[in-house]
Amino acid sequence: MKISDGFDARRLRPKGPSNWRLRLGVGFAALLAMFGLLLTVAGAAGLFGLSAALGELNASPAGSAILLVIGLLILWFGIWLWRRCRRRMRQPLSLNIASHLMKKHD
């Protein structure tokens, strides 16, 4: 098959969107996960009676349990968001070519 002078293979690959939005999402998700981890540790420390890290908020066992649950939820959401952004950043770019023009694989 003859390749003409006007052929440019880069046109077949789509121009991907900028990764800055996803990178900022990864950074925000990491901050959320760290904040959730700190809240979880503060809630667990309040439950064990080691220290009142946040004053009145985790001085009682009920407040410490609430901190622990909220911290675990924020940690879970941060990890979920981080994994989702990383998965979208690593998606392979496919060719913009008709499927019937590709090679047939048995």
PDB file of N, CA and C in Angstrom:
ATOM      1  N   MET A   1       0.840  -1.170   0.000  1.00  0.00           N
ATOM      2  CA  MET A   1       0.000   0.000   0.000  1.00  0.00           C
ATOM      3  C   MET A   1       0.887   1.236   0.000  1.00  0.00           C
ATOM      4  N   LYS A   2       0.578   2.146  -0.852  1.00  0.00           N
ATOM      5  CA  LYS A   2       1.380   3.348  -0.990  1.00  0.00           C
ATOM      6  C   LYS A   2       0.947   4.388   0.049  1.00  0.00           C
ATOM      7  N   ILE A   3       1.916   4.960   0.726  1.00  0.00           N
ATOM      8  CA  ILE A   3       1.637   6.017   1.692  1.00  0.00           C
ATOM      9  C   ILE A   3       1.844   7.346   0.988  1.00  0.00           C
ATOM     10  N   SER A   4       0.816   8.144   0.969  1.00  0.00           N
ATOM     11  CA  SER A   4       0.916   9.426   0.278  1.00  0.00           C
ATOM     12  C   SER A   4       1.657  10.434   1.147  1.00  0.00           C
ATOM     13  N   ASP A   5       2.052  11.523   0.554  1.00  0.00           N
ATOM     14  CA  ASP A   5       2.810  12.549   1.278  1.00  0.00           C
ATOM     15  C   ASP A   5       1.945  13.288   2.290  1.00  0.00           C
ATOM     16  N   GLY A   6       0.653  13.335   2.055  1.00  0.00           N
ATOM     17  CA  GLY A   6      -0.233  14.068   2.954  1.00  0.00           C
ATOM     18  C   GLY A   6      -0.691  13.255   4.162  1.00  0.00           C
ATOM     19  N   PHE A   7      -0.211  12.013   4.288  1.00  0.00           N
ATOM     20  CA  PHE A   7      -0.660  11.151   5.390  1.00  0.00           C
ATOM     21  C   PHE A   7       0.071  11.514   6.683  1.00  0.00           C
ATOM     22  N   ASP A   8      -0.679  11.647   7.732  1.00  0.00           N
ATOM     23  CA  ASP A   8      -0.102  11.931   9.045  1.00  0.00           C
ATOM     24  C   ASP A   8      -0.708  10.957  10.047  1.00  0.00           C
ATOM     25  N   ALA A   9       0.113  10.061  10.569  1.00  0.00           N
ATOM     26  CA  ALA A   9      -0.387   9.028  11.486  1.00  0.00           C
ATOM     27  C   ALA A   9      -0.862   9.614  12.809  1.00  0.00           C
ATOM     28  N   ARG A  10      -0.395  10.793  13.170  1.00  0.00           N
ATOM     29  CA  ARG A  10      -0.818  11.401  14.440  1.00  0.00           C
ATOM     30  C   ARG A  10      -2.295  11.779  14.428  1.00  0.00           C
ATOM     31  N   ARG A  11      -2.876  11.933  13.223  1.00  0.00           N
ATOM     32  CA  ARG A  11      -4.296  12.252  13.142  1.00  0.00           C
ATOM     33  C   ARG A  11      -5.168  11.089  13.598  1.00  0.00           C
ATOM     34  N   LEU A  12      -4.639   9.866  13.534  1.00  0.00           N
ATOM     35  CA  LEU A  12      -5.431   8.703  13.931  1.00  0.00           C
ATOM     36  C   LEU A  12      -5.623   8.643  15.439  1.00  0.00           C
ATOM     37  N   ARG A  13      -4.673   9.144  16.192  1.00  0.00           N
ATOM     38  CA  ARG A  13      -4.790   9.132  17.649  1.00  0.00           C
ATOM     39  C   ARG A  13      -5.471  10.414  18.109  1.00  0.00           C
ATOM     40  N   PRO A  14      -6.449  10.272  18.977  1.00  0.00           N
ATOM     41  CA  PRO A  14      -7.138  11.475  19.450  1.00  0.00           C
ATOM     42  C   PRO A  14      -6.238  12.295  20.359  1.00  0.00           C
ATOM     43  N   LYS A  15      -6.413  13.584  20.301  1.00  0.00           N
ATOM     44  CA  LYS A  15      -5.665  14.446  21.213  1.00  0.00           C
ATOM     45  C   LYS A  15      -6.343  14.344  22.573  1.00  0.00           C
ATOM     46  N   GLY A  16      -5.631  13.767  23.498  1.00  0.00           N
ATOM     47  CA  GLY A  16      -6.193  13.558  24.825  1.00  0.00           C
ATOM     48  C   GLY A  16      -6.358  14.852  25.576  1.00  0.00           C
ATOM     49  N   PRO A  17      -7.300  14.873  26.495  1.00  0.00           N
ATOM     50  CA  PRO A  17      -7.482  16.080  27.306  1.00  0.00           C
ATOM     51  C   PRO A  17      -6.301  16.262  28.243  1.00  0.00           C
ATOM     52  N   SER A  18      -6.173  17.444  28.727  1.00  0.00           N
ATOM     53  CA  SER A  18      -5.077  17.740  29.640  1.00  0.00           C
ATOM     54  C   SER A  18      -5.242  16.953  30.929  1.00  0.00           C
ATOM     55  N   ASN A  19      -4.144  16.476  31.463  1.00  0.00           N
ATOM     56  CA  ASN A  19      -4.178  15.666  32.679  1.00  0.00           C
ATOM     57  C   ASN A  19      -4.163  16.510  33.945  1.00  0.00           C
ATOM     58  N   TRP A  20      -4.170  17.815  33.822  1.00  0.00           N
ATOM     59  CA  TRP A  20      -4.082  18.650  35.023  1.00  0.00           C
ATOM     60  C   TRP A  20      -5.286  18.484  35.927  1.00  0.00           C
ATOM     61  N   ARG A  21      -6.461  18.350  35.324  1.00  0.00           N
ATOM     62  CA  ARG A  21      -7.655  18.182  36.133  1.00  0.00           C
ATOM     63  C   ARG A  21      -7.592  16.883  36.935  1.00  0.00           C
ATOM     64  N   LEU A  22      -7.124  15.818  36.291  1.00  0.00           N
ATOM     65  CA  LEU A  22      -7.020  14.543  36.993  1.00  0.00           C
ATOM     66  C   LEU A  22      -5.892  14.568  38.021  1.00  0.00           C
ATOM     67  N   ARG A  23      -4.817  15.256  37.709  1.00  0.00           N
ATOM     68  CA  ARG A  23      -3.721  15.354  38.688  1.00  0.00           C
ATOM     69  C   ARG A  23      -4.146  16.133  39.923  1.00  0.00           C
ATOM     70  N   LEU A  24      -4.909  17.204  39.719  1.00  0.00           N
ATOM     71  CA  LEU A  24      -5.443  17.947  40.862  1.00  0.00           C
ATOM     72  C   LEU A  24      -6.416  17.081  41.652  1.00  0.00           C
ATOM     73  N   GLY A  25      -7.193  16.273  40.951  1.00  0.00           N
ATOM     74  CA  GLY A  25      -8.100  15.347  41.620  1.00  0.00           C
ATOM     75  C   GLY A  25      -7.360  14.326  42.462  1.00  0.00           C
ATOM     76  N   VAL A  26      -6.228  13.837  41.942  1.00  0.00           N
ATOM     77  CA  VAL A  26      -5.413  12.882  42.699  1.00  0.00           C
ATOM     78  C   VAL A  26      -4.843  13.546  43.951  1.00  0.00           C
ATOM     79  N   GLY A  27      -4.375  14.788  43.805  1.00  0.00           N
ATOM     80  CA  GLY A  27      -3.835  15.505  44.967  1.00  0.00           C
ATOM     81  C   GLY A  27      -4.906  15.779  46.017  1.00  0.00           C
ATOM     82  N   PHE A  28      -6.092  16.193  45.564  1.00  0.00           N
ATOM     83  CA  PHE A  28      -7.196  16.435  46.493  1.00  0.00           C
ATOM     84  C   PHE A  28      -7.625  15.150  47.187  1.00  0.00           C
ATOM     85  N   ALA A  29      -7.651  14.047  46.436  1.00  0.00           N
ATOM     86  CA  ALA A  29      -8.026  12.764  47.019  1.00  0.00           C
ATOM     87  C   ALA A  29      -6.997  12.312  48.056  1.00  0.00           C
ATOM     88  N   ALA A  30      -5.720  12.565  47.788  1.00  0.00           N
ATOM     89  CA  ALA A  30      -4.689  12.204  48.761  1.00  0.00           C
ATOM     90  C   ALA A  30      -4.835  13.036  50.036  1.00  0.00           C
ATOM     91  N   LEU A  31      -5.147  14.326  49.887  1.00  0.00           N
ATOM     92  CA  LEU A  31      -5.382  15.163  51.064  1.00  0.00           C
ATOM     93  C   LEU A  31      -6.597  14.690  51.857  1.00  0.00           C
ATOM     94  N   LEU A  32      -7.654  14.298  51.146  1.00  0.00           N
ATOM     95  CA  LEU A  32      -8.831  13.769  51.821  1.00  0.00           C
ATOM     96  C   LEU A  32      -8.500  12.494  52.590  1.00  0.00           C
ATOM     97  N   ALA A  33      -7.727  11.609  51.967  1.00  0.00           N
ATOM     98  CA  ALA A  33      -7.361  10.359  52.626  1.00  0.00           C
ATOM     99  C   ALA A  33      -6.515  10.627  53.871  1.00  0.00           C
ATOM    100  N   MET A  34      -5.587  11.570  53.788  1.00  0.00           N
ATOM    101  CA  MET A  34      -4.767  11.895  54.961  1.00  0.00           C
ATOM    102  C   MET A  34      -5.611  12.511  56.068  1.00  0.00           C
ATOM    103  N   PHE A  35      -6.535  13.398  55.705  1.00  0.00           N
ATOM    104  CA  PHE A  35      -7.412  14.011  56.695  1.00  0.00           C
ATOM    105  C   PHE A  35      -8.303  12.964  57.356  1.00  0.00           C
ATOM    106  N   GLY A  36      -8.818  12.037  56.555  1.00  0.00           N
ATOM    107  CA  GLY A  36      -9.624  10.953  57.097  1.00  0.00           C
ATOM    108  C   GLY A  36      -8.821  10.058  58.021  1.00  0.00           C
ATOM    109  N   LEU A  37      -7.576   9.803  57.664  1.00  0.00           N
ATOM    110  CA  LEU A  37      -6.715   8.983  58.520  1.00  0.00           C
ATOM    111  C   LEU A  37      -6.442   9.680  59.849  1.00  0.00           C
ATOM    112  N   LEU A  38      -6.196  10.991  59.802  1.00  0.00           N
ATOM    113  CA  LEU A  38      -5.961  11.734  61.039  1.00  0.00           C
ATOM    114  C   LEU A  38      -7.203  11.755  61.930  1.00  0.00           C
ATOM    115  N   LEU A  39      -8.377  11.937  61.342  1.00  0.00           N
ATOM    116  CA  LEU A  39      -9.606  11.897  62.130  1.00  0.00           C
ATOM    117  C   LEU A  39      -9.843  10.511  62.721  1.00  0.00           C
ATOM    118  N   THR A  40      -9.541   9.479  61.959  1.00  0.00           N
ATOM    119  CA  THR A  40      -9.709   8.118  62.457  1.00  0.00           C
ATOM    120  C   THR A  40      -8.786   7.856  63.636  1.00  0.00           C
ATOM    121  N   VAL A  41      -7.546   8.285  63.520  1.00  0.00           N
ATOM    122  CA  VAL A  41      -6.582   8.087  64.613  1.00  0.00           C
ATOM    123  C   VAL A  41      -7.003   8.897  65.840  1.00  0.00           C
ATOM    124  N   ALA A  42      -7.488  10.126  65.636  1.00  0.00           N
ATOM    125  CA  ALA A  42      -7.931  10.943  66.770  1.00  0.00           C
ATOM    126  C   ALA A  42      -9.144  10.309  67.451  1.00  0.00           C
ATOM    127  N   GLY A  43     -10.075   9.775  66.666  1.00  0.00           N
ATOM    128  CA  GLY A  43     -11.233   9.112  67.241  1.00  0.00           C
ATOM    129  C   GLY A  43     -10.862   7.847  67.988  1.00  0.00           C
ATOM    130  N   ALA A  44      -9.935   7.069  67.433  1.00  0.00           N
ATOM    131  CA  ALA A  44      -9.497   5.847  68.111  1.00  0.00           C
ATOM    132  C   ALA A  44      -8.745   6.177  69.393  1.00  0.00           C
ATOM    133  N   ALA A  45      -7.933   7.225  69.374  1.00  0.00           N
ATOM    134  CA  ALA A  45      -7.213   7.626  70.585  1.00  0.00           C
ATOM    135  C   ALA A  45      -8.189   8.089  71.663  1.00  0.00           C
ATOM    136  N   GLY A  46      -9.244   8.779  71.276  1.00  0.00           N
ATOM    137  CA  GLY A  46     -10.254   9.201  72.243  1.00  0.00           C
ATOM    138  C   GLY A  46     -11.006   8.020  72.825  1.00  0.00           C
ATOM    139  N   LEU A  47     -11.252   6.991  71.998  1.00  0.00           N
ATOM    140  CA  LEU A  47     -11.930   5.801  72.505  1.00  0.00           C
ATOM    141  C   LEU A  47     -11.068   5.025  73.490  1.00  0.00           C
ATOM    142  N   PHE A  48      -9.772   4.998  73.250  1.00  0.00           N
ATOM    143  CA  PHE A  48      -8.865   4.295  74.158  1.00  0.00           C
ATOM    144  C   PHE A  48      -8.512   5.130  75.377  1.00  0.00           C
ATOM    145  N   GLY A  49      -8.944   6.395  75.383  1.00  0.00           N
ATOM    146  CA  GLY A  49      -8.710   7.252  76.537  1.00  0.00           C
ATOM    147  C   GLY A  49      -7.296   7.779  76.638  1.00  0.00           C
ATOM    148  N   LEU A  50      -6.594   7.842  75.516  1.00  0.00           N
ATOM    149  CA  LEU A  50      -5.196   8.287  75.549  1.00  0.00           C
ATOM    150  C   LEU A  50      -5.082   9.805  75.613  1.00  0.00           C
ATOM    151  N   SER A  51      -5.830  10.500  74.776  1.00  0.00           N
ATOM    152  CA  SER A  51      -5.732  11.957  74.784  1.00  0.00           C
ATOM    153  C   SER A  51      -6.981  12.564  74.178  1.00  0.00           C
ATOM    154  N   ALA A  52      -7.222  13.787  74.529  1.00  0.00           N
ATOM    155  CA  ALA A  52      -8.313  14.539  73.912  1.00  0.00           C
ATOM    156  C   ALA A  52      -7.702  15.470  72.879  1.00  0.00           C
ATOM    157  N   ALA A  53      -7.459  14.947  71.701  1.00  0.00           N
ATOM    158  CA  ALA A  53      -6.750  15.706  70.664  1.00  0.00           C
ATOM    159  C   ALA A  53      -7.572  16.877  70.152  1.00  0.00           C
ATOM    160  N   LEU A  54      -8.886  16.730  70.098  1.00  0.00           N
ATOM    161  CA  LEU A  54      -9.721  17.793  69.545  1.00  0.00           C
ATOM    162  C   LEU A  54     -10.601  18.438  70.612  1.00  0.00           C
ATOM    163  N   GLY A  55     -10.172  18.407  71.833  1.00  0.00           N
ATOM    164  CA  GLY A  55     -10.895  19.076  72.912  1.00  0.00           C
ATOM    165  C   GLY A  55     -12.192  18.396  73.253  1.00  0.00           C
ATOM    166  N   GLU A  56     -13.281  19.164  73.226  1.00  0.00           N
ATOM    167  CA  GLU A  56     -14.595  18.651  73.614  1.00  0.00           C
ATOM    168  C   GLU A  56     -15.154  17.647  72.610  1.00  0.00           C
ATOM    169  N   LEU A  57     -14.662  17.682  71.383  1.00  0.00           N
ATOM    170  CA  LEU A  57     -15.245  16.846  70.341  1.00  0.00           C
ATOM    171  C   LEU A  57     -15.037  15.356  70.604  1.00  0.00           C
ATOM    172  N   ASN A  58     -13.870  14.992  71.098  1.00  0.00           N
ATOM    173  CA  ASN A  58     -13.664  13.571  71.371  1.00  0.00           C
ATOM    174  C   ASN A  58     -13.351  13.316  72.838  1.00  0.00           C
ATOM    175  N   ALA A  59     -13.886  14.143  73.726  1.00  0.00           N
ATOM    176  CA  ALA A  59     -13.700  13.920  75.157  1.00  0.00           C
ATOM    177  C   ALA A  59     -14.607  12.797  75.652  1.00  0.00           C
ATOM    178  N   SER A  60     -15.759  12.633  75.038  1.00  0.00           N
ATOM    179  CA  SER A  60     -16.674  11.562  75.434  1.00  0.00           C
ATOM    180  C   SER A  60     -16.536  10.394  74.467  1.00  0.00           C
ATOM    181  N   PRO A  61     -16.915   9.201  74.908  1.00  0.00           N
ATOM    182  CA  PRO A  61     -16.838   8.043  74.000  1.00  0.00           C
ATOM    183  C   PRO A  61     -17.754   8.175  72.788  1.00  0.00           C
ATOM    184  N   ALA A  62     -18.908   8.818  72.931  1.00  0.00           N
ATOM    185  CA  ALA A  62     -19.802   8.989  71.784  1.00  0.00           C
ATOM    186  C   ALA A  62     -19.183   9.925  70.745  1.00  0.00           C
ATOM    187  N   GLY A  63     -18.582  11.008  71.198  1.00  0.00           N
ATOM    188  CA  GLY A  63     -17.910  11.922  70.270  1.00  0.00           C
ATOM    189  C   GLY A  63     -16.731  11.269  69.583  1.00  0.00           C
ATOM    190  N   SER A  64     -16.004  10.446  70.324  1.00  0.00           N
ATOM    191  CA  SER A  64     -14.871   9.737  69.721  1.00  0.00           C
ATOM    192  C   SER A  64     -15.340   8.731  68.684  1.00  0.00           C
ATOM    193  N   ALA A  65     -16.439   8.054  68.970  1.00  0.00           N
ATOM    194  CA  ALA A  65     -16.966   7.093  68.002  1.00  0.00           C
ATOM    195  C   ALA A  65     -17.445   7.806  66.739  1.00  0.00           C
ATOM    196  N   ILE A  66     -18.068   8.968  66.910  1.00  0.00           N
ATOM    197  CA  ILE A  66     -18.513   9.743  65.741  1.00  0.00           C
ATOM    198  C   ILE A  66     -17.307  10.189  64.913  1.00  0.00           C
ATOM    199  N   LEU A  67     -16.257  10.643  65.595  1.00  0.00           N
ATOM    200  CA  LEU A  67     -15.026  11.027  64.879  1.00  0.00           C
ATOM    201  C   LEU A  67     -14.434   9.844  64.133  1.00  0.00           C
ATOM    202  N   LEU A  68     -14.445   8.694  64.763  1.00  0.00           N
ATOM    203  CA  LEU A  68     -13.895   7.497  64.138  1.00  0.00           C
ATOM    204  C   LEU A  68     -14.677   7.136  62.874  1.00  0.00           C
ATOM    205  N   VAL A  69     -15.998   7.165  62.955  1.00  0.00           N
ATOM    206  CA  VAL A  69     -16.829   6.809  61.798  1.00  0.00           C
ATOM    207  C   VAL A  69     -16.681   7.839  60.684  1.00  0.00           C
ATOM    208  N   ILE A  70     -16.704   9.122  61.022  1.00  0.00           N
ATOM    209  CA  ILE A  70     -16.542  10.169  59.999  1.00  0.00           C
ATOM    210  C   ILE A  70     -15.156  10.073  59.354  1.00  0.00           C
ATOM    211  N   GLY A  71     -14.140   9.825  60.162  1.00  0.00           N
ATOM    212  CA  GLY A  71     -12.788   9.665  59.626  1.00  0.00           C
ATOM    213  C   GLY A  71     -12.682   8.491  58.675  1.00  0.00           C
ATOM    214  N   LEU A  72     -13.328   7.359  59.029  1.00  0.00           N
ATOM    215  CA  LEU A  72     -13.300   6.195  58.138  1.00  0.00           C
ATOM    216  C   LEU A  72     -14.033   6.470  56.837  1.00  0.00           C
ATOM    217  N   LEU A  73     -15.156   7.195  56.904  1.00  0.00           N
ATOM    218  CA  LEU A  73     -15.888   7.537  55.681  1.00  0.00           C
ATOM    219  C   LEU A  73     -15.079   8.464  54.776  1.00  0.00           C
ATOM    220  N   ILE A  74     -14.434   9.460  55.365  1.00  0.00           N
ATOM    221  CA  ILE A  74     -13.612  10.378  54.563  1.00  0.00           C
ATOM    222  C   ILE A  74     -12.406   9.644  53.980  1.00  0.00           C
ATOM    223  N   LEU A  75     -11.814   8.751  54.767  1.00  0.00           N
ATOM    224  CA  LEU A  75     -10.691   7.951  54.273  1.00  0.00           C
ATOM    225  C   LEU A  75     -11.128   7.078  53.107  1.00  0.00           C
ATOM    226  N   TRP A  76     -12.283   6.412  53.243  1.00  0.00           N
ATOM    227  CA  TRP A  76     -12.785   5.562  52.167  1.00  0.00           C
ATOM    228  C   TRP A  76     -13.064   6.377  50.913  1.00  0.00           C
ATOM    229  N   PHE A  77     -13.698   7.546  51.057  1.00  0.00           N
ATOM    230  CA  PHE A  77     -14.001   8.391  49.900  1.00  0.00           C
ATOM    231  C   PHE A  77     -12.725   8.891  49.232  1.00  0.00           C
ATOM    232  N   GLY A  78     -11.711   9.266  50.026  1.00  0.00           N
ATOM    233  CA  GLY A  78     -10.444   9.728  49.458  1.00  0.00           C
ATOM    234  C   GLY A  78      -9.738   8.646  48.666  1.00  0.00           C
ATOM    235  N   ILE A  79      -9.737   7.429  49.197  1.00  0.00           N
ATOM    236  CA  ILE A  79      -9.097   6.315  48.486  1.00  0.00           C
ATOM    237  C   ILE A  79      -9.874   5.976  47.221  1.00  0.00           C
ATOM    238  N   TRP A  80     -11.206   5.993  47.291  1.00  0.00           N
ATOM    239  CA  TRP A  80     -12.034   5.721  46.114  1.00  0.00           C
ATOM    240  C   TRP A  80     -11.785   6.755  45.017  1.00  0.00           C
ATOM    241  N   LEU A  81     -11.753   8.029  45.404  1.00  0.00           N
ATOM    242  CA  LEU A  81     -11.515   9.098  44.434  1.00  0.00           C
ATOM    243  C   LEU A  81     -10.113   9.008  43.849  1.00  0.00           C
ATOM    244  N   TRP A  82      -9.130   8.688  44.675  1.00  0.00           N
ATOM    245  CA  TRP A  82      -7.750   8.560  44.204  1.00  0.00           C
ATOM    246  C   TRP A  82      -7.635   7.443  43.184  1.00  0.00           C
ATOM    247  N   ARG A  83      -8.238   6.300  43.476  1.00  0.00           N
ATOM    248  CA  ARG A  83      -8.167   5.161  42.546  1.00  0.00           C
ATOM    249  C   ARG A  83      -8.898   5.469  41.245  1.00  0.00           C
ATOM    250  N   ARG A  84     -10.024   6.152  41.332  1.00  0.00           N
ATOM    251  CA  ARG A  84     -10.779   6.483  40.128  1.00  0.00           C
ATOM    252  C   ARG A  84      -9.997   7.442  39.230  1.00  0.00           C
ATOM    253  N   CYS A  85      -9.382   8.457  39.837  1.00  0.00           N
ATOM    254  CA  CYS A  85      -8.592   9.408  39.034  1.00  0.00           C
ATOM    255  C   CYS A  85      -7.375   8.727  38.425  1.00  0.00           C
ATOM    256  N   ARG A  86      -6.701   7.876  39.179  1.00  0.00           N
ATOM    257  CA  ARG A  86      -5.533   7.174  38.638  1.00  0.00           C
ATOM    258  C   ARG A  86      -5.926   6.232  37.503  1.00  0.00           C
ATOM    259  N   ARG A  87      -7.073   5.576  37.635  1.00  0.00           N
ATOM    260  CA  ARG A  87      -7.536   4.677  36.578  1.00  0.00           C
ATOM    261  C   ARG A  87      -7.836   5.454  35.308  1.00  0.00           C
ATOM    262  N   ARG A  88      -8.449   6.627  35.441  1.00  0.00           N
ATOM    263  CA  ARG A  88      -8.757   7.433  34.258  1.00  0.00           C
ATOM    264  C   ARG A  88      -7.506   8.018  33.625  1.00  0.00           C
ATOM    265  N   MET A  89      -6.489   8.305  34.450  1.00  0.00           N
ATOM    266  CA  MET A  89      -5.237   8.838  33.889  1.00  0.00           C
ATOM    267  C   MET A  89      -4.499   7.781  33.081  1.00  0.00           C
ATOM    268  N   ARG A  90      -4.652   6.537  33.433  1.00  0.00           N
ATOM    269  CA  ARG A  90      -3.896   5.465  32.789  1.00  0.00           C
ATOM    270  C   ARG A  90      -4.665   4.741  31.696  1.00  0.00           C
ATOM    271  N   GLN A  91      -5.827   5.256  31.300  1.00  0.00           N
ATOM    272  CA  GLN A  91      -6.573   4.620  30.228  1.00  0.00           C
ATOM    273  C   GLN A  91      -5.800   4.738  28.924  1.00  0.00           C
ATOM    274  N   PRO A  92      -5.703   3.643  28.204  1.00  0.00           N
ATOM    275  CA  PRO A  92      -4.995   3.725  26.914  1.00  0.00           C
ATOM    276  C   PRO A  92      -5.835   4.501  25.909  1.00  0.00           C
ATOM    277  N   LEU A  93      -5.133   5.232  25.058  1.00  0.00           N
ATOM    278  CA  LEU A  93      -5.817   5.965  23.999  1.00  0.00           C
ATOM    279  C   LEU A  93      -6.014   5.031  22.812  1.00  0.00           C
ATOM    280  N   SER A  94      -7.217   4.945  22.324  1.00  0.00           N
ATOM    281  CA  SER A  94      -7.490   4.049  21.212  1.00  0.00           C
ATOM    282  C   SER A  94      -7.382   4.819  19.895  1.00  0.00           C
ATOM    283  N   LEU A  95      -7.266   4.083  18.827  1.00  0.00           N
ATOM    284  CA  LEU A  95      -7.162   4.697  17.509  1.00  0.00           C
ATOM    285  C   LEU A  95      -8.532   5.135  17.023  1.00  0.00           C
ATOM    286  N   ASN A  96      -8.569   6.239  16.307  1.00  0.00           N
ATOM    287  CA  ASN A  96      -9.799   6.701  15.678  1.00  0.00           C
ATOM    288  C   ASN A  96      -9.872   6.119  14.272  1.00  0.00           C
ATOM    289  N   ILE A  97     -10.131   4.858  14.187  1.00  0.00           N
ATOM    290  CA  ILE A  97     -10.214   4.193  12.899  1.00  0.00           C
ATOM    291  C   ILE A  97     -11.386   3.225  12.960  1.00  0.00           C
ATOM    292  N   ALA A  98     -12.026   3.028  11.822  1.00  0.00           N
ATOM    293  CA  ALA A  98     -13.187   2.143  11.784  1.00  0.00           C
ATOM    294  C   ALA A  98     -12.777   0.722  12.155  1.00  0.00           C
ATOM    295  N   SER A  99     -13.646   0.045  12.884  1.00  0.00           N
ATOM    296  CA  SER A  99     -13.288  -1.292  13.369  1.00  0.00           C
ATOM    297  C   SER A  99     -13.157  -2.301  12.239  1.00  0.00           C
ATOM    298  N   HIS A 100     -13.880  -2.097  11.133  1.00  0.00           N
ATOM    299  CA  HIS A 100     -13.777  -3.062  10.041  1.00  0.00           C
ATOM    300  C   HIS A 100     -12.470  -2.908   9.256  1.00  0.00           C
ATOM    301  N   LEU A 101     -11.723  -1.844   9.493  1.00  0.00           N
ATOM    302  CA  LEU A 101     -10.440  -1.675   8.822  1.00  0.00           C
ATOM    303  C   LEU A 101      -9.290  -2.268   9.628  1.00  0.00           C
ATOM    304  N   MET A 102      -9.553  -2.659  10.869  1.00  0.00           N
ATOM    305  CA  MET A 102      -8.510  -3.248  11.704  1.00  0.00           C
ATOM    306  C   MET A 102      -8.271  -4.691  11.285  1.00  0.00           C
ATOM    307  N   LYS A 103      -7.162  -5.282  11.754  1.00  0.00           N
ATOM    308  CA  LYS A 103      -6.872  -6.674  11.437  1.00  0.00           C
ATOM    309  C   LYS A 103      -7.871  -7.576  12.139  1.00  0.00           C
ATOM    310  N   LYS A 104      -8.199  -8.652  11.487  1.00  0.00           N
ATOM    311  CA  LYS A 104      -9.113  -9.628  12.074  1.00  0.00           C
ATOM    312  C   LYS A 104      -8.294 -10.588  12.940  1.00  0.00           C
ATOM    313  N   HIS A 105      -8.747 -10.798  14.154  1.00  0.00           N
ATOM    314  CA  HIS A 105      -8.096 -11.762  15.049  1.00  0.00           C
ATOM    315  C   HIS A 105      -9.064 -12.909  15.301  1.00  0.00           C
ATOM    316  N   ASP A 106      -8.588 -14.114  15.075  1.00  0.00           N
ATOM    317  CA  ASP A 106      -9.475 -15.285  15.249  1.00  0.00           C
ATOM    318  C   ASP A 106      -9.642 -15.613  16.682  1.00  0.00           C
TER     319      ASP A 106
END
